[in-house]
């Protein structure tokens, strides 16, 4: 019975990890792609990741409890053909039941794309 409970907890923890990791990766991909097409600034990109909007009014809930300190936005080569935007999320945390997978928290997610400069 104990081994079945351990197996269930392990599966739930890993499922939660994969769900959160994929959700964050998709949010970063979406914000990076939108920034590449609309040429947004770093604050607007951070707001897209945290609040799903380039501008923030009031205090809406943050995406999976992320803070702006978890988001790193770098825009390089602006106004050139080599313009790129690179977005990285790191240092995030979420509750895990099993102590064996604590090292999976905060794995950096990085997405980079070219800017479509007119």
C-alpha atoms as a PDB file:
ATOM      1  CA  UNK A   1       0.000   0.000   0.000  1.00  0.00           C
ATOM      2  CA  UNK A   2       2.846   2.370   0.813  1.00  0.00           C
ATOM      3  CA  UNK A   3       4.497   1.774  -2.553  1.00  0.00           C
ATOM      4  CA  UNK A   4       1.220   2.526  -4.358  1.00  0.00           C
ATOM      5  CA  UNK A   5       0.872   5.797  -2.456  1.00  0.00           C
ATOM      6  CA  UNK A   6       4.488   6.675  -3.272  1.00  0.00           C
ATOM      7  CA  UNK A   7       3.847   5.914  -6.947  1.00  0.00           C
ATOM      8  CA  UNK A   8       0.714   8.084  -7.017  1.00  0.00           C
ATOM      9  CA  UNK A   9       2.506  11.010  -5.356  1.00  0.00           C
ATOM     10  CA  UNK A  10       5.390  10.675  -7.801  1.00  0.00           C
ATOM     11  CA  UNK A  11       3.087  10.635 -10.819  1.00  0.00           C
ATOM     12  CA  UNK A  12       1.125  13.645  -9.545  1.00  0.00           C
ATOM     13  CA  UNK A  13       4.311  15.625  -8.875  1.00  0.00           C
ATOM     14  CA  UNK A  14       5.778  14.872 -12.281  1.00  0.00           C
ATOM     15  CA  UNK A  15       2.485  15.646 -14.017  1.00  0.00           C
ATOM     16  CA  UNK A  16       2.299  18.983 -12.218  1.00  0.00           C
ATOM     17  CA  UNK A  17       5.904  19.764 -13.141  1.00  0.00           C
ATOM     18  CA  UNK A  18       5.333  18.985 -16.830  1.00  0.00           C
ATOM     19  CA  UNK A  19       2.093  20.981 -16.901  1.00  0.00           C
ATOM     20  CA  UNK A  20       3.652  24.080 -15.320  1.00  0.00           C
ATOM     21  CA  UNK A  21       6.844  23.801 -17.397  1.00  0.00           C
ATOM     22  CA  UNK A  22       4.889  23.514 -20.651  1.00  0.00           C
ATOM     23  CA  UNK A  23       2.487  26.317 -19.680  1.00  0.00           C
ATOM     24  CA  UNK A  24       5.376  28.657 -18.903  1.00  0.00           C
ATOM     25  CA  UNK A  25       7.205  27.689 -22.103  1.00  0.00           C
ATOM     26  CA  UNK A  26       4.085  28.414 -24.153  1.00  0.00           C
ATOM     27  CA  UNK A  27       3.562  31.778 -22.429  1.00  0.00           C
ATOM     28  CA  UNK A  28       7.194  32.757 -23.106  1.00  0.00           C
ATOM     29  CA  UNK A  29       6.913  31.602 -26.734  1.00  0.00           C
ATOM     30  CA  UNK A  30       3.708  33.598 -27.199  1.00  0.00           C
ATOM     31  CA  UNK A  31       5.154  36.780 -25.662  1.00  0.00           C
ATOM     32  CA  UNK A  32       8.399  36.464 -27.615  1.00  0.00           C
ATOM     33  CA  UNK A  33       6.605  35.915 -30.898  1.00  0.00           C
ATOM     34  CA  UNK A  34       4.231  38.804 -30.277  1.00  0.00           C
ATOM     35  CA  UNK A  35       7.177  41.029 -29.374  1.00  0.00           C
ATOM     36  CA  UNK A  36       8.912  39.966 -32.576  1.00  0.00           C
ATOM     37  CA  UNK A  37       5.953  40.999 -34.707  1.00  0.00           C
ATOM     38  CA  UNK A  38       4.859  44.136 -32.840  1.00  0.00           C
ATOM     39  CA  UNK A  39       8.327  45.260 -31.629  1.00  0.00           C
ATOM     40  CA  UNK A  40       7.364  45.706 -27.974  1.00  0.00           C
ATOM     41  CA  UNK A  41       9.671  47.020 -25.268  1.00  0.00           C
ATOM     42  CA  UNK A  42      10.998  44.915 -22.382  1.00  0.00           C
ATOM     43  CA  UNK A  43       8.343  46.082 -19.912  1.00  0.00           C
ATOM     44  CA  UNK A  44       5.500  45.197 -22.288  1.00  0.00           C
ATOM     45  CA  UNK A  45       7.001  41.748 -22.897  1.00  0.00           C
ATOM     46  CA  UNK A  46       7.337  41.146 -19.150  1.00  0.00           C
ATOM     47  CA  UNK A  47       3.717  42.235 -18.654  1.00  0.00           C
ATOM     48  CA  UNK A  48       2.596  39.856 -21.414  1.00  0.00           C
ATOM     49  CA  UNK A  49       4.195  36.968 -19.558  1.00  0.00           C
ATOM     50  CA  UNK A  50       2.974  37.960 -16.097  1.00  0.00           C
ATOM     51  CA  UNK A  51      -0.502  39.326 -16.892  1.00  0.00           C
ATOM     52  CA  UNK A  52      -1.264  38.341 -20.532  1.00  0.00           C
ATOM     53  CA  UNK A  53      -1.469  42.013 -21.477  1.00  0.00           C
ATOM     54  CA  UNK A  54       1.244  44.499 -22.560  1.00  0.00           C
ATOM     55  CA  UNK A  55      -0.261  47.142 -20.288  1.00  0.00           C
ATOM     56  CA  UNK A  56      -1.393  46.561 -16.726  1.00  0.00           C
ATOM     57  CA  UNK A  57      -4.168  48.338 -14.887  1.00  0.00           C
ATOM     58  CA  UNK A  58      -4.793  47.618 -11.235  1.00  0.00           C
ATOM     59  CA  UNK A  59      -3.307  44.495  -9.679  1.00  0.00           C
ATOM     60  CA  UNK A  60      -4.379  41.466 -11.731  1.00  0.00           C
ATOM     61  CA  UNK A  61      -3.236  37.999 -10.638  1.00  0.00           C
ATOM     62  CA  UNK A  62       0.188  36.944 -11.911  1.00  0.00           C
ATOM     63  CA  UNK A  63       0.700  33.846 -14.043  1.00  0.00           C
ATOM     64  CA  UNK A  64       1.701  30.940 -11.743  1.00  0.00           C
ATOM     65  CA  UNK A  65       2.906  33.467  -9.159  1.00  0.00           C
ATOM     66  CA  UNK A  66       5.761  34.785 -11.314  1.00  0.00           C
ATOM     67  CA  UNK A  67       7.386  38.107 -10.463  1.00  0.00           C
ATOM     68  CA  UNK A  68       9.100  40.526 -12.805  1.00  0.00           C
ATOM     69  CA  UNK A  69      12.382  39.428 -11.220  1.00  0.00           C
ATOM     70  CA  UNK A  70      11.785  35.957 -12.718  1.00  0.00           C
ATOM     71  CA  UNK A  71      11.615  37.378 -16.254  1.00  0.00           C
ATOM     72  CA  UNK A  72      14.703  38.531 -18.164  1.00  0.00           C
ATOM     73  CA  UNK A  73      14.128  40.289 -21.500  1.00  0.00           C
ATOM     74  CA  UNK A  74      17.000  41.224 -23.804  1.00  0.00           C
ATOM     75  CA  UNK A  75      16.483  43.072 -27.070  1.00  0.00           C
ATOM     76  CA  UNK A  76      19.616  43.219 -29.223  1.00  0.00           C
ATOM     77  CA  UNK A  77      20.448  44.797 -32.567  1.00  0.00           C
ATOM     78  CA  UNK A  78      17.404  47.061 -32.662  1.00  0.00           C
ATOM     79  CA  UNK A  79      17.005  48.887 -36.013  1.00  0.00           C
ATOM     80  CA  UNK A  80      19.284  46.395 -37.777  1.00  0.00           C
ATOM     81  CA  UNK A  81      18.703  43.206 -39.759  1.00  0.00           C
ATOM     82  CA  UNK A  82      20.080  41.218 -36.806  1.00  0.00           C
ATOM     83  CA  UNK A  83      17.443  42.427 -34.342  1.00  0.00           C
ATOM     84  CA  UNK A  84      16.485  39.724 -31.821  1.00  0.00           C
ATOM     85  CA  UNK A  85      14.475  39.420 -28.663  1.00  0.00           C
ATOM     86  CA  UNK A  86      15.436  36.853 -26.017  1.00  0.00           C
ATOM     87  CA  UNK A  87      13.164  36.068 -23.089  1.00  0.00           C
ATOM     88  CA  UNK A  88      14.183  33.892 -20.154  1.00  0.00           C
ATOM     89  CA  UNK A  89      12.180  32.775 -17.137  1.00  0.00           C
ATOM     90  CA  UNK A  90      14.086  31.368 -14.180  1.00  0.00           C
ATOM     91  CA  UNK A  91      13.866  31.026 -10.426  1.00  0.00           C
ATOM     92  CA  UNK A  92      10.148  30.276 -10.293  1.00  0.00           C
ATOM     93  CA  UNK A  93       8.806  27.838  -7.728  1.00  0.00           C
ATOM     94  CA  UNK A  94       5.696  25.781  -7.174  1.00  0.00           C
ATOM     95  CA  UNK A  95       4.629  23.382  -4.427  1.00  0.00           C
ATOM     96  CA  UNK A  96       5.784  19.786  -4.759  1.00  0.00           C
ATOM     97  CA  UNK A  97       4.844  16.934  -2.463  1.00  0.00           C
ATOM     98  CA  UNK A  98       7.763  14.633  -3.146  1.00  0.00           C
ATOM     99  CA  UNK A  99      11.183  15.746  -1.863  1.00  0.00           C
ATOM    100  CA  UNK A 100      12.900  13.842  -4.696  1.00  0.00           C
ATOM    101  CA  UNK A 101      11.938  16.341  -7.388  1.00  0.00           C
ATOM    102  CA  UNK A 102      12.707  19.638  -5.649  1.00  0.00           C
ATOM    103  CA  UNK A 103      15.607  20.167  -8.072  1.00  0.00           C
ATOM    104  CA  UNK A 104      13.173  20.462 -10.980  1.00  0.00           C
ATOM    105  CA  UNK A 105      11.866  23.807  -9.749  1.00  0.00           C
ATOM    106  CA  UNK A 106      13.072  26.923 -11.486  1.00  0.00           C
ATOM    107  CA  UNK A 107      14.613  25.258 -14.538  1.00  0.00           C
ATOM    108  CA  UNK A 108      15.263  28.174 -16.917  1.00  0.00           C
ATOM    109  CA  UNK A 109      13.074  28.529 -19.999  1.00  0.00           C
ATOM    110  CA  UNK A 110      14.611  30.582 -22.799  1.00  0.00           C
ATOM    111  CA  UNK A 111      13.058  31.592 -26.131  1.00  0.00           C
ATOM    112  CA  UNK A 112      14.696  33.763 -28.772  1.00  0.00           C
ATOM    113  CA  UNK A 113      13.307  35.074 -32.051  1.00  0.00           C
ATOM    114  CA  UNK A 114      14.105  37.672 -34.675  1.00  0.00           C
ATOM    115  CA  UNK A 115      12.327  41.024 -34.727  1.00  0.00           C
ATOM    116  CA  UNK A 116      10.388  41.821 -37.849  1.00  0.00           C
ATOM    117  CA  UNK A 117      11.678  45.351 -38.255  1.00  0.00           C
ATOM    118  CA  UNK A 118      10.072  47.259 -41.156  1.00  0.00           C
END
